[in-house]
């Protein structure tokens, strides 16, 4: 079962509340993207829960995913809105560090900061390999370890609750 569509009206309202409270930080030239972690409801809510409890402070995505969605790559200081599996916006995140890497260039520290599973590099590689195999299959191409990856660290800038 897929995630519900994101609620763009609620995401815009959340962004406007943040902009009103923090005009010095909400300086993005365009409205932030509205996203979900993962590719199915259980994973989406699990990963969002790790963000909300402070465990997850990094994420990884294929450059090809951004291209397929017509989205620009993130930028340091830029914001994005993460939704739960029902499409409800829950948190505004702010990118604090970005780098491009190959699969074998991801290190233990980054895997730990992603906060998933046992936080080891071995589990990061296993879980991300499976995830990207699913994602690229839906995008119509085969994943390889040579695909360029966006490694992003972020901070929670604003919570919906």
N, C-alpha and C. Protein backbone atom coordinates (compact mmCIF):
# COMPACT_ATOMS: atom_id res chain seq x y z
N UNK A 1 0.85 -1.18 0.00
CA UNK A 1 0.00 0.00 0.00
C UNK A 1 0.90 1.24 0.00
N UNK A 2 0.63 2.20 -0.86
CA UNK A 2 1.44 3.42 -0.91
C UNK A 2 1.03 4.43 0.18
N UNK A 3 1.90 5.41 0.37
CA UNK A 3 1.57 6.53 1.26
C UNK A 3 0.43 7.34 0.65
N UNK A 4 -0.31 8.02 1.49
CA UNK A 4 -1.35 8.94 1.01
C UNK A 4 -0.67 10.15 0.36
N UNK A 5 -1.36 10.84 -0.53
CA UNK A 5 -0.77 12.06 -1.10
C UNK A 5 -0.50 13.09 0.00
N UNK A 6 0.55 13.86 -0.18
CA UNK A 6 0.86 14.89 0.81
C UNK A 6 -0.18 16.00 0.76
N UNK A 7 -0.44 16.60 1.91
CA UNK A 7 -1.40 17.69 2.03
C UNK A 7 -0.66 19.01 1.82
N UNK A 8 -0.65 19.47 0.58
CA UNK A 8 0.10 20.68 0.25
C UNK A 8 -0.46 21.93 0.94
N UNK A 9 -1.78 22.00 1.11
CA UNK A 9 -2.37 23.17 1.78
C UNK A 9 -1.90 23.23 3.23
N UNK A 10 -1.89 22.10 3.91
CA UNK A 10 -1.41 22.07 5.30
C UNK A 10 0.08 22.35 5.36
N UNK A 11 0.84 21.85 4.39
CA UNK A 11 2.28 22.12 4.36
C UNK A 11 2.55 23.61 4.15
N UNK A 12 1.78 24.24 3.28
CA UNK A 12 1.94 25.69 3.06
C UNK A 12 1.61 26.47 4.33
N UNK A 13 0.57 26.05 5.04
CA UNK A 13 0.20 26.72 6.29
C UNK A 13 1.30 26.56 7.34
N UNK A 14 1.90 25.37 7.41
CA UNK A 14 3.00 25.14 8.34
C UNK A 14 4.19 26.02 7.98
N UNK A 15 4.51 26.11 6.70
CA UNK A 15 5.61 26.95 6.24
C UNK A 15 5.36 28.42 6.57
N UNK A 16 4.15 28.89 6.36
CA UNK A 16 3.81 30.28 6.66
C UNK A 16 3.92 30.57 8.15
N UNK A 17 3.53 29.63 9.00
CA UNK A 17 3.67 29.80 10.45
C UNK A 17 5.15 29.91 10.82
N UNK A 18 5.97 29.07 10.23
CA UNK A 18 7.41 29.11 10.47
C UNK A 18 8.01 30.43 9.97
N UNK A 19 7.63 30.83 8.76
CA UNK A 19 8.15 32.09 8.19
C UNK A 19 7.79 33.28 9.06
N UNK A 20 6.57 33.29 9.59
CA UNK A 20 6.14 34.39 10.46
C UNK A 20 6.94 34.43 11.75
N UNK A 21 7.22 33.25 12.29
CA UNK A 21 7.96 33.16 13.56
C UNK A 21 9.46 33.36 13.38
N UNK A 22 9.99 32.99 12.20
CA UNK A 22 11.44 33.03 11.97
C UNK A 22 11.78 33.61 10.60
N UNK A 23 11.44 34.87 10.35
CA UNK A 23 11.71 35.44 9.03
C UNK A 23 13.21 35.50 8.71
N UNK A 24 14.04 35.52 9.72
CA UNK A 24 15.49 35.56 9.51
C UNK A 24 16.04 34.22 9.02
N UNK A 25 15.33 33.14 9.29
CA UNK A 25 15.80 31.81 8.87
C UNK A 25 15.07 31.29 7.63
N UNK A 26 13.84 31.68 7.46
CA UNK A 26 13.02 31.19 6.35
C UNK A 26 13.22 32.07 5.13
N UNK A 27 14.42 32.02 4.57
CA UNK A 27 14.78 32.90 3.47
C UNK A 27 14.87 32.17 2.14
N UNK A 28 14.34 30.97 2.07
CA UNK A 28 14.38 30.19 0.82
C UNK A 28 13.70 31.00 -0.29
N UNK A 29 14.30 31.04 -1.49
CA UNK A 29 13.69 31.79 -2.59
C UNK A 29 12.40 31.15 -3.11
N UNK A 30 12.26 29.85 -2.93
CA UNK A 30 11.07 29.12 -3.36
C UNK A 30 10.46 28.42 -2.15
N UNK A 31 9.17 28.10 -2.20
CA UNK A 31 8.59 27.30 -1.11
C UNK A 31 9.34 25.97 -1.01
N UNK A 32 9.46 25.42 0.18
CA UNK A 32 10.19 24.15 0.34
C UNK A 32 9.45 22.98 -0.29
N UNK A 33 10.22 21.96 -0.65
CA UNK A 33 9.59 20.74 -1.15
C UNK A 33 8.86 20.05 0.01
N UNK A 34 7.88 19.27 -0.33
CA UNK A 34 7.08 18.54 0.65
C UNK A 34 7.28 17.06 0.33
N UNK A 35 7.84 16.33 1.28
CA UNK A 35 8.32 14.98 1.03
C UNK A 35 7.85 14.02 2.12
N UNK A 36 8.11 12.74 1.87
CA UNK A 36 8.00 11.70 2.88
C UNK A 36 9.30 10.91 2.89
N UNK A 37 9.65 10.37 4.03
CA UNK A 37 10.75 9.42 4.11
C UNK A 37 10.21 8.06 3.68
N UNK A 38 11.01 7.28 2.97
CA UNK A 38 10.61 5.92 2.64
C UNK A 38 9.63 5.83 1.50
N UNK A 39 9.25 4.59 1.20
CA UNK A 39 8.38 4.34 0.05
C UNK A 39 7.12 3.56 0.38
N UNK A 40 6.85 3.37 1.67
CA UNK A 40 5.59 2.75 2.07
C UNK A 40 5.26 3.21 3.49
N UNK A 41 3.99 3.16 3.90
CA UNK A 41 3.56 3.76 5.16
C UNK A 41 4.36 3.34 6.40
N UNK A 42 4.65 2.07 6.55
CA UNK A 42 5.36 1.62 7.75
C UNK A 42 6.74 2.27 7.83
N UNK A 43 7.46 2.26 6.71
CA UNK A 43 8.80 2.84 6.68
C UNK A 43 8.74 4.36 6.87
N UNK A 44 7.80 4.99 6.21
CA UNK A 44 7.64 6.44 6.33
C UNK A 44 7.44 6.85 7.78
N UNK A 45 6.52 6.20 8.47
CA UNK A 45 6.23 6.58 9.85
C UNK A 45 7.36 6.20 10.80
N UNK A 46 8.02 5.08 10.53
CA UNK A 46 9.18 4.69 11.35
C UNK A 46 10.29 5.73 11.25
N UNK A 47 10.63 6.13 10.02
CA UNK A 47 11.72 7.10 9.83
C UNK A 47 11.35 8.47 10.37
N UNK A 48 10.12 8.89 10.15
CA UNK A 48 9.67 10.18 10.69
C UNK A 48 9.73 10.15 12.22
N UNK A 49 9.36 9.03 12.82
CA UNK A 49 9.45 8.90 14.27
C UNK A 49 10.88 9.07 14.77
N UNK A 50 11.85 8.55 14.01
CA UNK A 50 13.25 8.72 14.38
C UNK A 50 13.69 10.18 14.28
N UNK A 51 13.13 10.90 13.32
CA UNK A 51 13.41 12.35 13.22
C UNK A 51 12.82 13.06 14.43
N UNK A 52 11.57 12.77 14.73
CA UNK A 52 10.87 13.47 15.80
C UNK A 52 11.46 13.17 17.18
N UNK A 53 12.03 11.97 17.36
CA UNK A 53 12.62 11.68 18.68
C UNK A 53 14.10 12.07 18.76
N UNK A 54 14.64 12.64 17.68
CA UNK A 54 16.01 13.15 17.70
C UNK A 54 17.08 12.16 17.29
N UNK A 55 16.70 10.93 16.94
CA UNK A 55 17.69 9.92 16.55
C UNK A 55 18.22 10.15 15.15
N UNK A 56 17.34 10.46 14.21
CA UNK A 56 17.70 10.61 12.80
C UNK A 56 17.99 12.07 12.48
N UNK A 57 19.22 12.34 12.06
CA UNK A 57 19.62 13.69 11.69
C UNK A 57 20.33 13.74 10.34
N UNK A 58 20.11 12.68 9.54
CA UNK A 58 20.69 12.62 8.21
C UNK A 58 19.81 11.76 7.32
N UNK A 59 19.95 11.95 6.02
CA UNK A 59 19.22 11.15 5.07
C UNK A 59 20.03 11.07 3.78
N UNK A 60 19.69 10.09 2.96
CA UNK A 60 20.40 9.89 1.70
C UNK A 60 19.38 9.66 0.60
N UNK A 61 19.65 10.23 -0.56
CA UNK A 61 18.79 10.04 -1.72
C UNK A 61 19.65 10.00 -2.97
N UNK A 62 19.20 9.29 -3.97
CA UNK A 62 19.93 9.25 -5.22
C UNK A 62 19.73 10.56 -5.99
N UNK A 63 20.78 11.03 -6.61
CA UNK A 63 20.66 12.20 -7.48
C UNK A 63 19.59 11.92 -8.53
N UNK A 64 19.54 10.69 -9.01
CA UNK A 64 18.55 10.31 -10.03
C UNK A 64 17.11 10.46 -9.54
N UNK A 65 16.87 10.33 -8.24
CA UNK A 65 15.52 10.52 -7.70
C UNK A 65 15.10 11.98 -7.86
N UNK A 66 16.00 12.90 -7.55
CA UNK A 66 15.70 14.33 -7.72
C UNK A 66 15.42 14.63 -9.18
N UNK A 67 16.26 14.09 -10.07
CA UNK A 67 16.08 14.33 -11.50
C UNK A 67 14.74 13.79 -11.99
N UNK A 68 14.39 12.58 -11.55
CA UNK A 68 13.13 11.96 -11.98
C UNK A 68 11.92 12.77 -11.52
N UNK A 69 12.04 13.42 -10.37
CA UNK A 69 10.93 14.22 -9.84
C UNK A 69 10.99 15.67 -10.29
N UNK A 70 11.99 16.03 -11.08
CA UNK A 70 12.14 17.41 -11.53
C UNK A 70 12.46 18.37 -10.40
N UNK A 71 13.11 17.86 -9.34
CA UNK A 71 13.43 18.67 -8.16
C UNK A 71 14.91 19.06 -8.20
N UNK A 72 15.22 20.29 -7.77
CA UNK A 72 16.63 20.64 -7.63
C UNK A 72 17.24 19.89 -6.44
N UNK A 73 18.54 19.75 -6.47
CA UNK A 73 19.22 19.15 -5.32
C UNK A 73 19.09 20.09 -4.13
N UNK A 74 19.11 19.55 -2.92
CA UNK A 74 19.03 20.42 -1.74
C UNK A 74 20.23 21.35 -1.67
N UNK A 75 20.09 22.39 -0.86
CA UNK A 75 21.20 23.31 -0.63
C UNK A 75 21.32 23.55 0.86
N UNK A 76 22.52 23.83 1.31
CA UNK A 76 22.73 24.11 2.73
C UNK A 76 21.93 25.34 3.11
N UNK A 77 21.20 25.25 4.20
CA UNK A 77 20.34 26.33 4.66
C UNK A 77 18.93 26.25 4.11
N UNK A 78 18.72 25.40 3.11
CA UNK A 78 17.39 25.23 2.54
C UNK A 78 16.51 24.37 3.43
N UNK A 79 15.23 24.51 3.26
CA UNK A 79 14.25 23.79 4.08
C UNK A 79 13.45 22.80 3.24
N UNK A 80 12.89 21.81 3.92
CA UNK A 80 11.92 20.92 3.30
C UNK A 80 10.98 20.43 4.39
N UNK A 81 9.81 20.02 3.97
CA UNK A 81 8.76 19.62 4.90
C UNK A 81 8.57 18.11 4.79
N UNK A 82 8.63 17.43 5.93
CA UNK A 82 8.43 15.98 5.97
C UNK A 82 7.03 15.68 6.49
N UNK A 83 6.35 14.79 5.77
CA UNK A 83 4.99 14.39 6.12
C UNK A 83 4.98 12.95 6.62
N UNK A 84 3.91 12.60 7.33
CA UNK A 84 3.73 11.21 7.74
C UNK A 84 3.04 10.45 6.61
N UNK A 85 2.75 9.18 6.85
CA UNK A 85 2.19 8.35 5.78
C UNK A 85 0.78 8.75 5.38
N UNK A 86 0.10 9.54 6.22
CA UNK A 86 -1.24 10.00 5.86
C UNK A 86 -1.19 11.29 5.05
N UNK A 87 0.03 11.82 4.81
CA UNK A 87 0.20 13.04 4.04
C UNK A 87 0.23 14.29 4.88
N UNK A 88 0.09 14.14 6.20
CA UNK A 88 0.06 15.30 7.10
C UNK A 88 1.48 15.81 7.36
N UNK A 89 1.72 17.10 7.13
CA UNK A 89 3.04 17.66 7.41
C UNK A 89 3.31 17.66 8.91
N UNK A 90 4.48 17.17 9.28
CA UNK A 90 4.81 17.04 10.70
C UNK A 90 5.98 17.89 11.14
N UNK A 91 6.89 18.20 10.21
CA UNK A 91 8.11 18.88 10.62
C UNK A 91 8.75 19.60 9.43
N UNK A 92 9.35 20.74 9.72
CA UNK A 92 10.17 21.45 8.73
C UNK A 92 11.62 21.17 9.09
N UNK A 93 12.37 20.71 8.09
CA UNK A 93 13.77 20.39 8.28
C UNK A 93 14.63 21.40 7.52
N UNK A 94 15.80 21.66 8.06
CA UNK A 94 16.74 22.60 7.44
C UNK A 94 18.05 21.87 7.18
N UNK A 95 18.50 21.89 5.94
CA UNK A 95 19.74 21.22 5.54
C UNK A 95 20.94 21.94 6.14
N UNK A 96 21.81 21.18 6.80
CA UNK A 96 23.00 21.76 7.44
C UNK A 96 24.30 21.31 6.79
N UNK A 97 24.26 20.19 6.08
CA UNK A 97 25.46 19.68 5.42
C UNK A 97 25.04 18.82 4.25
N UNK A 98 25.73 18.96 3.14
CA UNK A 98 25.43 18.18 1.94
C UNK A 98 26.73 17.74 1.29
N UNK A 99 26.73 16.53 0.75
CA UNK A 99 27.83 16.11 -0.10
C UNK A 99 27.34 15.02 -1.02
N UNK A 100 27.98 14.91 -2.16
CA UNK A 100 27.69 13.85 -3.11
C UNK A 100 28.71 12.75 -2.90
N UNK A 101 28.25 11.49 -2.99
CA UNK A 101 29.14 10.37 -2.76
C UNK A 101 28.65 9.15 -3.54
N UNK A 102 29.54 8.22 -3.73
CA UNK A 102 29.17 6.91 -4.25
C UNK A 102 28.80 6.03 -3.06
N UNK A 103 28.14 4.94 -3.33
CA UNK A 103 27.67 4.02 -2.29
C UNK A 103 28.80 3.60 -1.35
N UNK A 104 29.96 3.25 -1.92
CA UNK A 104 31.07 2.77 -1.10
C UNK A 104 31.82 3.89 -0.38
N UNK A 105 31.43 5.14 -0.59
CA UNK A 105 32.06 6.28 0.09
C UNK A 105 31.30 6.71 1.35
N UNK A 106 30.15 6.10 1.59
CA UNK A 106 29.39 6.41 2.81
C UNK A 106 30.15 5.80 3.98
N UNK A 107 30.30 6.58 5.05
CA UNK A 107 31.11 6.12 6.18
C UNK A 107 30.25 5.78 7.41
N UNK A 108 30.92 5.23 8.42
CA UNK A 108 30.24 4.82 9.65
C UNK A 108 29.51 5.98 10.32
N UNK A 109 30.12 7.14 10.33
CA UNK A 109 29.52 8.30 11.00
C UNK A 109 28.20 8.69 10.35
N UNK A 110 28.17 8.70 9.01
CA UNK A 110 26.94 9.06 8.32
C UNK A 110 25.86 8.02 8.60
N UNK A 111 26.22 6.74 8.51
CA UNK A 111 25.25 5.68 8.78
C UNK A 111 24.68 5.84 10.19
N UNK A 112 25.52 6.15 11.15
CA UNK A 112 25.07 6.35 12.53
C UNK A 112 24.10 7.53 12.61
N UNK A 113 24.43 8.64 11.94
CA UNK A 113 23.59 9.84 11.98
C UNK A 113 22.23 9.63 11.31
N UNK A 114 22.16 8.68 10.36
CA UNK A 114 20.86 8.37 9.76
C UNK A 114 19.93 7.74 10.79
N UNK A 115 20.50 7.09 11.80
CA UNK A 115 19.72 6.62 12.93
C UNK A 115 18.86 5.40 12.69
N UNK A 116 19.07 4.69 11.61
CA UNK A 116 18.20 3.57 11.27
C UNK A 116 18.78 2.24 11.72
N UNK A 117 17.89 1.28 11.96
CA UNK A 117 18.25 -0.08 12.34
C UNK A 117 19.23 -0.04 13.51
N UNK A 118 20.39 -0.71 13.40
CA UNK A 118 21.35 -0.68 14.51
C UNK A 118 22.39 0.42 14.35
N UNK A 119 22.20 1.29 13.37
CA UNK A 119 23.03 2.46 13.08
C UNK A 119 24.42 2.09 12.55
N UNK A 120 24.62 0.85 12.16
CA UNK A 120 25.91 0.43 11.63
C UNK A 120 25.98 0.68 10.12
N UNK A 121 27.19 0.76 9.61
CA UNK A 121 27.38 0.92 8.17
C UNK A 121 26.89 -0.32 7.42
N UNK A 122 27.09 -1.49 7.99
CA UNK A 122 26.63 -2.72 7.33
C UNK A 122 25.11 -2.72 7.15
N UNK A 123 24.38 -2.35 8.19
CA UNK A 123 22.91 -2.33 8.05
C UNK A 123 22.48 -1.19 7.13
N UNK A 124 23.19 -0.05 7.17
CA UNK A 124 22.88 1.05 6.27
C UNK A 124 22.99 0.57 4.83
N UNK A 125 24.09 -0.10 4.52
CA UNK A 125 24.29 -0.56 3.14
C UNK A 125 23.23 -1.57 2.73
N UNK A 126 22.94 -2.52 3.60
CA UNK A 126 21.94 -3.54 3.28
C UNK A 126 20.56 -2.92 3.04
N UNK A 127 20.12 -2.07 3.96
CA UNK A 127 18.79 -1.47 3.86
C UNK A 127 18.68 -0.48 2.71
N UNK A 128 19.71 0.32 2.48
CA UNK A 128 19.65 1.28 1.39
C UNK A 128 19.76 0.60 0.03
N UNK A 129 20.52 -0.45 -0.07
CA UNK A 129 20.59 -1.22 -1.32
C UNK A 129 19.20 -1.73 -1.68
N UNK A 130 18.52 -2.36 -0.72
CA UNK A 130 17.17 -2.87 -0.98
C UNK A 130 16.21 -1.73 -1.33
N UNK A 131 16.28 -0.64 -0.57
CA UNK A 131 15.38 0.49 -0.82
C UNK A 131 15.59 1.05 -2.22
N UNK A 132 16.85 1.31 -2.59
CA UNK A 132 17.10 1.90 -3.91
C UNK A 132 16.81 0.93 -5.05
N UNK A 133 16.91 -0.34 -4.81
CA UNK A 133 16.49 -1.30 -5.84
C UNK A 133 14.99 -1.18 -6.09
N UNK A 134 14.21 -1.00 -5.02
CA UNK A 134 12.76 -0.82 -5.19
C UNK A 134 12.47 0.50 -5.89
N UNK A 135 13.09 1.58 -5.43
CA UNK A 135 12.81 2.92 -5.96
C UNK A 135 13.19 3.02 -7.44
N UNK A 136 14.38 2.56 -7.78
CA UNK A 136 14.80 2.69 -9.18
C UNK A 136 13.95 1.81 -10.10
N UNK A 137 13.50 0.67 -9.60
CA UNK A 137 12.62 -0.18 -10.41
C UNK A 137 11.33 0.58 -10.75
N UNK A 138 10.79 1.33 -9.79
CA UNK A 138 9.57 2.10 -10.08
C UNK A 138 9.85 3.28 -11.01
N UNK A 139 11.10 3.75 -11.02
CA UNK A 139 11.48 4.85 -11.91
C UNK A 139 11.90 4.35 -13.29
N UNK A 140 12.00 3.03 -13.45
CA UNK A 140 12.28 2.46 -14.76
C UNK A 140 13.74 2.22 -15.08
N UNK A 141 14.58 2.15 -14.07
CA UNK A 141 15.98 1.80 -14.34
C UNK A 141 16.51 0.95 -13.20
N UNK A 142 17.66 0.35 -13.44
CA UNK A 142 18.26 -0.54 -12.46
C UNK A 142 19.27 0.21 -11.60
N UNK A 143 19.20 -0.02 -10.29
CA UNK A 143 20.14 0.61 -9.37
C UNK A 143 21.48 -0.09 -9.43
N UNK A 144 22.54 0.70 -9.35
CA UNK A 144 23.89 0.16 -9.20
C UNK A 144 24.59 0.97 -8.12
N UNK A 145 25.65 0.43 -7.59
CA UNK A 145 26.41 1.12 -6.55
C UNK A 145 27.14 2.35 -7.08
N UNK A 146 27.13 2.54 -8.40
CA UNK A 146 27.79 3.71 -8.97
C UNK A 146 26.88 4.94 -9.04
N UNK A 147 25.59 4.77 -8.75
CA UNK A 147 24.70 5.94 -8.75
C UNK A 147 25.18 6.95 -7.70
N UNK A 148 25.14 8.21 -8.07
CA UNK A 148 25.56 9.27 -7.15
C UNK A 148 24.47 9.48 -6.09
N UNK A 149 24.91 9.66 -4.86
CA UNK A 149 24.01 9.80 -3.71
C UNK A 149 24.20 11.16 -3.08
N UNK A 150 23.09 11.81 -2.73
CA UNK A 150 23.12 13.04 -1.95
C UNK A 150 23.07 12.64 -0.48
N UNK A 151 24.12 12.97 0.25
CA UNK A 151 24.16 12.72 1.70
C UNK A 151 23.86 14.04 2.38
N UNK A 152 22.80 14.07 3.15
CA UNK A 152 22.32 15.31 3.74
C UNK A 152 22.17 15.16 5.25
N UNK A 153 22.75 16.10 5.96
CA UNK A 153 22.48 16.22 7.39
C UNK A 153 21.50 17.39 7.55
N UNK A 154 20.65 17.29 8.56
CA UNK A 154 19.62 18.32 8.75
C UNK A 154 19.36 18.53 10.23
N UNK A 155 18.66 19.62 10.50
CA UNK A 155 18.17 19.90 11.84
C UNK A 155 16.67 20.11 11.75
N UNK A 156 16.00 19.85 12.86
CA UNK A 156 14.56 20.13 12.93
C UNK A 156 14.43 21.63 13.18
N UNK A 157 13.79 22.31 12.23
CA UNK A 157 13.61 23.76 12.35
C UNK A 157 12.28 24.14 12.99
N UNK A 158 11.25 23.30 12.79
CA UNK A 158 9.90 23.64 13.26
C UNK A 158 9.07 22.38 13.26
N UNK A 159 8.38 22.14 14.34
CA UNK A 159 7.49 20.98 14.45
C UNK A 159 6.05 21.43 14.33
N UNK A 160 5.23 20.57 13.76
CA UNK A 160 3.81 20.89 13.60
C UNK A 160 3.07 20.90 14.93
N UNK A 161 3.57 20.16 15.92
CA UNK A 161 2.86 20.08 17.21
C UNK A 161 3.37 21.06 18.17
